[in-house]
Amino acid sequence: MIGWSDGGFSYKSSLASGLQPWGHYRAWTENKDVLVMFLTDNMFNIVPKHDIPDDALEELRSLLDKAGIRRAGKKATR
C-alpha cells in the first residue's frame, strides 16, 4: 500500500512500513507507466500509475512541486 499527504510519501507492506518526508527526495520523473521519486541516485520509490486515478496523480505531482523537488531532466530554477 502507498499513500501521500502534506507530510510525505508513506508505504506499507508485510515486511516494512514508513513515511519519507518530502524533504528527503531530491528529484522525480515519470513515464506513461510509473512515477519515480529519487532519494539518491540508486534509492527511489516507484508509484505504478495503472490503478491510480488521474486526480490523485495530479495531487502527488502538486505535492512534489510544492516541496520544491525538481523534476529529473529539467534544470533547477533556483
Protein backbone atom coordinates (compact mmCIF):
# COMPACT_ATOMS: atom_id res chain seq x y z
CA MET A 1 0.00 0.00 0.00
CA ILE A 2 1.17 3.52 -0.76
CA GLY A 3 -0.13 6.97 0.06
CA TRP A 4 0.85 10.62 0.30
CA SER A 5 -0.04 13.72 2.26
CA ASP A 6 1.47 17.09 3.12
CA GLY A 7 3.80 15.16 5.45
CA GLY A 8 5.36 12.94 2.79
CA PHE A 9 5.12 9.61 0.99
CA SER A 10 4.01 6.57 3.00
CA TYR A 11 4.24 2.88 2.28
CA LYS A 12 3.28 -0.36 3.99
CA SER A 13 3.96 -3.97 3.14
CA SER A 14 4.06 -7.23 5.06
CA LEU A 15 7.77 -6.59 5.76
CA ALA A 16 8.05 -2.84 6.34
CA SER A 17 6.25 0.45 6.65
CA GLY A 18 7.36 4.03 6.79
CA LEU A 19 6.98 7.66 5.90
CA GLN A 20 9.51 9.58 3.81
CA PRO A 21 9.17 13.34 4.33
CA TRP A 22 9.17 15.30 1.07
CA GLY A 23 12.45 16.93 2.06
CA HIS A 24 14.23 13.58 1.72
CA TYR A 25 13.60 13.42 -2.04
CA ARG A 26 16.00 15.03 -4.50
CA ALA A 27 14.17 14.58 -7.82
CA TRP A 28 11.28 12.85 -9.55
CA THR A 29 10.25 11.81 -13.05
CA GLU A 30 7.56 9.80 -14.78
CA ASN A 31 6.60 8.00 -17.93
CA LYS A 32 3.25 6.57 -19.01
CA ASP A 33 3.51 3.64 -16.57
CA VAL A 34 5.27 4.86 -13.40
CA LEU A 35 6.20 7.91 -11.36
CA VAL A 36 9.63 7.59 -9.70
CA MET A 37 10.80 9.67 -6.73
CA PHE A 38 14.56 9.63 -6.09
CA LEU A 39 16.05 9.66 -2.60
CA THR A 40 19.56 9.14 -4.05
CA ASP A 41 20.84 8.09 -7.47
CA ASN A 42 20.08 4.45 -6.70
CA MET A 43 17.39 4.63 -3.99
CA PHE A 44 13.89 5.51 -5.08
CA ASN A 45 10.18 4.91 -4.66
CA ILE A 46 8.14 3.76 -7.63
CA VAL A 47 4.47 4.61 -7.97
CA PRO A 48 2.73 2.39 -10.57
CA LYS A 49 0.18 4.59 -12.31
CA HIS A 50 -2.20 1.95 -13.72
CA ASP A 51 -4.59 1.83 -10.72
CA ILE A 52 -4.32 5.44 -9.54
CA PRO A 53 -6.93 7.98 -10.67
CA ASP A 54 -5.65 10.97 -12.64
CA ASP A 55 -6.73 13.44 -9.94
CA ALA A 56 -4.74 11.53 -7.29
CA LEU A 57 -1.64 11.55 -9.53
CA GLU A 58 -2.08 15.28 -10.05
CA GLU A 59 -2.23 15.73 -6.26
CA LEU A 60 1.05 13.79 -5.93
CA ARG A 61 2.72 15.93 -8.62
CA SER A 62 1.45 19.05 -6.86
CA LEU A 63 2.89 17.94 -3.50
CA LEU A 64 6.27 17.25 -5.15
CA ASP A 65 6.24 20.70 -6.77
CA LYS A 66 5.10 22.37 -3.53
CA ALA A 67 8.03 20.73 -1.71
CA GLY A 68 10.45 22.16 -4.30
CA ILE A 69 11.56 18.77 -5.61
CA ARG A 70 12.91 19.17 -9.12
CA ARG A 71 11.73 17.05 -11.99
CA ALA A 72 14.64 14.94 -13.28
CA GLY A 73 15.82 16.06 -16.68
CA LYS A 74 14.85 19.67 -16.07
CA LYS A 75 17.28 22.34 -14.93
CA ALA A 76 16.72 23.82 -11.50
CA THR A 77 15.39 27.37 -11.48
CA ARG A 78 16.66 28.24 -8.01
